[in-house]
Protein backbone atom coordinates (compact mmCIF):
# COMPACT_ATOMS: atom_id res chain seq x y z
CA UNK A 1 30.68 18.71 33.91
CA UNK A 2 29.48 20.91 31.17
CA UNK A 3 30.82 18.39 28.57
CA UNK A 4 28.77 15.63 30.14
CA UNK A 5 25.55 17.87 30.23
CA UNK A 6 26.18 18.79 26.45
CA UNK A 7 26.51 15.15 25.66
CA UNK A 8 23.44 14.19 27.53
CA UNK A 9 21.50 17.07 25.97
CA UNK A 10 22.69 16.06 22.37
CA UNK A 11 21.74 12.46 23.09
CA UNK A 12 18.35 13.37 24.26
CA UNK A 13 17.68 15.65 21.27
CA UNK A 14 18.76 12.96 19.03
CA UNK A 15 16.51 10.39 20.69
CA UNK A 16 13.65 12.63 20.21
CA UNK A 17 14.36 13.20 16.51
CA UNK A 18 14.79 9.48 15.92
CA UNK A 19 11.40 8.80 17.25
CA UNK A 20 9.72 10.87 14.68
CA UNK A 21 11.55 9.59 11.60
CA UNK A 22 11.03 6.58 9.40
CA UNK A 23 13.99 4.29 10.03
CA UNK A 24 12.55 1.36 8.28
CA UNK A 25 12.72 1.84 4.47
CA UNK A 26 10.75 -1.34 3.68
CA UNK A 27 7.56 0.71 4.48
CA UNK A 28 6.19 4.05 3.63
CA UNK A 29 4.26 6.10 6.35
CA UNK A 30 0.49 5.67 5.71
CA UNK A 31 1.10 2.23 4.08
CA UNK A 32 -1.57 -0.50 5.00
CA UNK A 33 0.08 -3.25 6.79
CA UNK A 34 -2.79 -5.49 8.36
CA UNK A 35 -6.47 -5.27 9.09
CA UNK A 36 -9.06 -6.89 11.43
CA UNK A 37 -12.63 -6.97 10.34
CA UNK A 38 -11.84 -4.60 7.20
CA UNK A 39 -10.38 -1.89 9.50
CA UNK A 40 -6.78 -1.21 8.21
CA UNK A 41 -3.64 -0.72 10.35
CA UNK A 42 -1.37 1.74 8.99
CA UNK A 43 2.56 2.19 9.12
CA UNK A 44 3.61 5.27 11.19
CA UNK A 45 7.35 5.06 10.90
CA UNK A 46 8.85 6.62 14.28
CA UNK A 47 6.43 6.20 17.13
CA UNK A 48 6.50 9.91 17.66
CA UNK A 49 5.54 10.70 14.01
CA UNK A 50 2.33 12.51 13.44
CA UNK A 51 0.71 13.06 10.14
CA UNK A 52 -2.16 15.28 11.06
CA UNK A 53 -5.57 14.52 12.64
CA UNK A 54 -8.17 11.95 11.40
CA UNK A 55 -11.63 13.29 11.70
CA UNK A 56 -14.69 11.36 10.40
CA UNK A 57 -17.42 13.04 7.99
CA UNK A 58 -19.60 13.62 11.01
CA UNK A 59 -16.78 15.50 12.75
CA UNK A 60 -15.74 12.95 15.36
CA UNK A 61 -12.11 12.96 16.28
CA UNK A 62 -10.39 9.44 15.65
CA UNK A 63 -6.95 10.91 16.73
CA UNK A 64 -3.55 11.71 15.36
CA UNK A 65 -2.72 9.70 12.14
CA UNK A 66 -1.36 6.88 12.45
CA UNK A 67 -0.95 6.66 16.18
CA UNK A 68 -2.31 3.68 18.17
CA UNK A 69 -5.25 5.68 19.50
CA UNK A 70 -6.39 6.61 15.90
CA UNK A 71 -6.56 2.82 14.96
CA UNK A 72 -8.55 1.59 18.02
CA UNK A 73 -10.92 4.56 17.87
CA UNK A 74 -11.25 3.96 14.06
CA UNK A 75 -11.79 0.41 14.62
CA UNK A 76 -14.60 0.94 17.19
CA UNK A 77 -16.12 3.60 15.03
CA UNK A 78 -16.24 1.54 11.91
CA UNK A 79 -16.92 -1.88 13.18
CA UNK A 80 -19.10 -1.20 16.30
CA UNK A 81 -20.35 2.12 15.31
CA UNK A 82 -19.23 3.42 18.61
CA UNK A 83 -18.14 7.06 19.47
CA UNK A 84 -16.25 7.56 22.71
CA UNK A 85 -17.75 10.54 24.80
CA UNK A 86 -14.32 11.60 25.44
CA UNK A 87 -12.81 11.78 21.98
CA UNK A 88 -9.29 12.94 23.15
CA UNK A 89 -6.48 11.69 25.50
CA UNK A 90 -3.30 9.67 25.28
CA UNK A 91 -3.48 5.81 25.14
CA UNK A 92 -2.87 5.10 28.75
CA UNK A 93 -5.74 7.54 29.67
CA UNK A 94 -8.16 5.11 28.21
CA UNK A 95 -8.00 3.25 31.58
CA UNK A 96 -9.47 5.10 34.51
CA UNK A 97 -7.95 3.67 37.80
CA UNK A 98 -10.83 4.92 39.66
CA UNK A 99 -13.20 2.46 37.77
CA UNK A 100 -13.77 -0.82 39.41
CA UNK A 101 -13.45 -4.04 37.76
CA UNK A 102 -16.65 -4.52 35.56
CA UNK A 103 -18.06 -1.02 36.01
CA UNK A 104 -18.55 1.37 33.26
CA UNK A 105 -15.71 3.69 32.13
CA UNK A 106 -17.80 6.79 31.23
CA UNK A 107 -15.17 8.64 29.39
CA UNK A 108 -15.14 5.78 26.86
CA UNK A 109 -18.61 4.36 27.38
CA UNK A 110 -17.07 0.88 27.83
CA UNK A 111 -17.18 -1.57 30.51
CA UNK A 112 -13.64 -1.75 32.20
CA UNK A 113 -11.84 -4.77 33.56
CA UNK A 114 -8.77 -4.58 35.47
CA UNK A 115 -5.69 -6.88 35.00
CA UNK A 116 -6.28 -9.31 36.45
CA UNK A 117 -10.23 -9.68 36.31
CA UNK A 118 -12.89 -12.07 37.07
CA UNK A 119 -13.95 -11.75 33.22
CA UNK A 120 -11.78 -13.29 30.49
CA UNK A 121 -10.69 -11.01 27.69
CA UNK A 122 -12.59 -11.23 24.50
CA UNK A 123 -12.03 -10.65 20.83
CA UNK A 124 -12.51 -6.88 20.00
CA UNK A 125 -11.63 -5.76 23.71
CA UNK A 126 -9.25 -2.81 23.81
CA UNK A 127 -5.97 -3.48 26.00
CA UNK A 128 -4.28 -0.57 27.58
CA UNK A 129 -0.69 -0.31 28.49
CA UNK A 130 0.81 2.27 30.89
CA UNK A 131 3.36 4.66 29.90
CA UNK A 132 7.09 3.91 30.14
CA UNK A 133 10.52 5.66 30.05
CA UNK A 134 10.57 5.36 26.21
CA UNK A 135 6.92 5.94 25.71
CA UNK A 136 5.15 8.17 28.38
CA UNK A 137 1.84 7.90 26.46
CA UNK A 138 1.15 4.36 26.93
CA UNK A 139 -0.20 2.13 24.20
CA UNK A 140 -3.73 0.85 23.29
CA UNK A 141 -4.72 -2.14 20.92
CA UNK A 142 -7.48 -4.51 19.90
CA UNK A 143 -7.53 -8.20 20.97
CA UNK A 144 -7.68 -10.11 17.75
CA UNK A 145 -7.62 -13.66 19.17
CA UNK A 146 -8.15 -15.31 22.51
CA UNK A 147 -7.16 -18.81 23.17
CA UNK A 148 -7.10 -20.85 26.58
CA UNK A 149 -3.60 -19.62 27.54
CA UNK A 150 -2.84 -16.78 25.07
CA UNK A 151 -4.24 -13.68 23.52
CA UNK A 152 -3.18 -11.86 20.36
CA UNK A 153 -3.35 -8.09 19.76
CA UNK A 154 -3.45 -6.14 16.67
CA UNK A 155 -1.93 -2.74 16.83
CA UNK A 156 -1.00 0.38 14.97
CA UNK A 157 2.38 2.26 15.62
CA UNK A 158 4.30 -0.48 17.77
CA UNK A 159 7.62 1.06 16.36
CA UNK A 160 9.34 1.08 13.02
CA UNK A 161 10.63 -2.62 13.18
CA UNK A 162 7.72 -4.29 15.35
CA UNK A 163 4.85 -6.36 14.13
CA UNK A 164 1.24 -5.24 14.02
CA UNK A 165 0.51 -8.66 15.83
CA UNK A 166 1.84 -9.57 19.21
CA UNK A 167 1.01 -12.33 21.63
CA UNK A 168 0.72 -12.45 25.44
CA UNK A 169 0.30 -15.30 27.86
CA UNK A 170 -3.18 -15.73 29.43
CA UNK A 171 -3.27 -16.95 33.01
CA UNK A 172 -6.20 -18.18 35.13
CA UNK A 173 -5.29 -17.44 38.81
CA UNK A 174 -7.93 -18.84 41.02
CA UNK A 175 -10.72 -17.63 38.79
CA UNK A 176 -8.95 -14.34 37.86
CA UNK A 177 -7.77 -13.88 34.14
CA UNK A 178 -4.23 -12.10 33.95
CA UNK A 179 -2.64 -11.11 30.76
CA UNK A 180 1.06 -11.48 31.30
CA UNK A 181 2.42 -8.13 30.88
CA UNK A 182 3.77 -5.68 33.57
CA UNK A 183 2.39 -2.76 31.87
CA UNK A 184 -1.00 -3.95 30.82
CA UNK A 185 -3.44 -2.13 33.03
CA UNK A 186 -6.65 -3.79 31.86
CA UNK A 187 -9.19 -4.08 29.04
CA UNK A 188 -12.32 -2.33 27.91
CA UNK A 189 -15.44 -3.85 26.17
CA UNK A 190 -18.50 -2.73 24.46
CA UNK A 191 -21.61 -4.68 25.71
């Protein structure tokens, strides 16, 4: 029994370490990978790697470099000149389950839509994913393209071997729009 516990503890410690290091030698941490409207996406290496905090000249907290939250907040700050009232929180916390579809999420000062929603997602919306066994903090990204049956997102820190762009099916179910992903909670919009 002690051997099993030791192996599990060693495996867990190894897993935590691997999530912090750069396993992909094709890229360097902080390297620009992509951009949307002139706002760059940077490579982060392991999903738990942190390179310090990014704060604007006017002392607004953008988040931990180069996490997903840092990109979406930097995108909204640079592209929309938007500062979120709650400048902290994990990705999954961007979605407030107490806010009804189409109402104001006051922590982010954005309109929140549930998945599914009567409102179709739009380019520039933030999409929020719940946590998982491998990532308890969730994920947040920006919608970069909307087609009739598909959306594309741009994201920072999807993992060392994942792309900065990802596509999901978009379904219209009796007037409700649903992005086909079990972890996708909803989207936020600046109106």
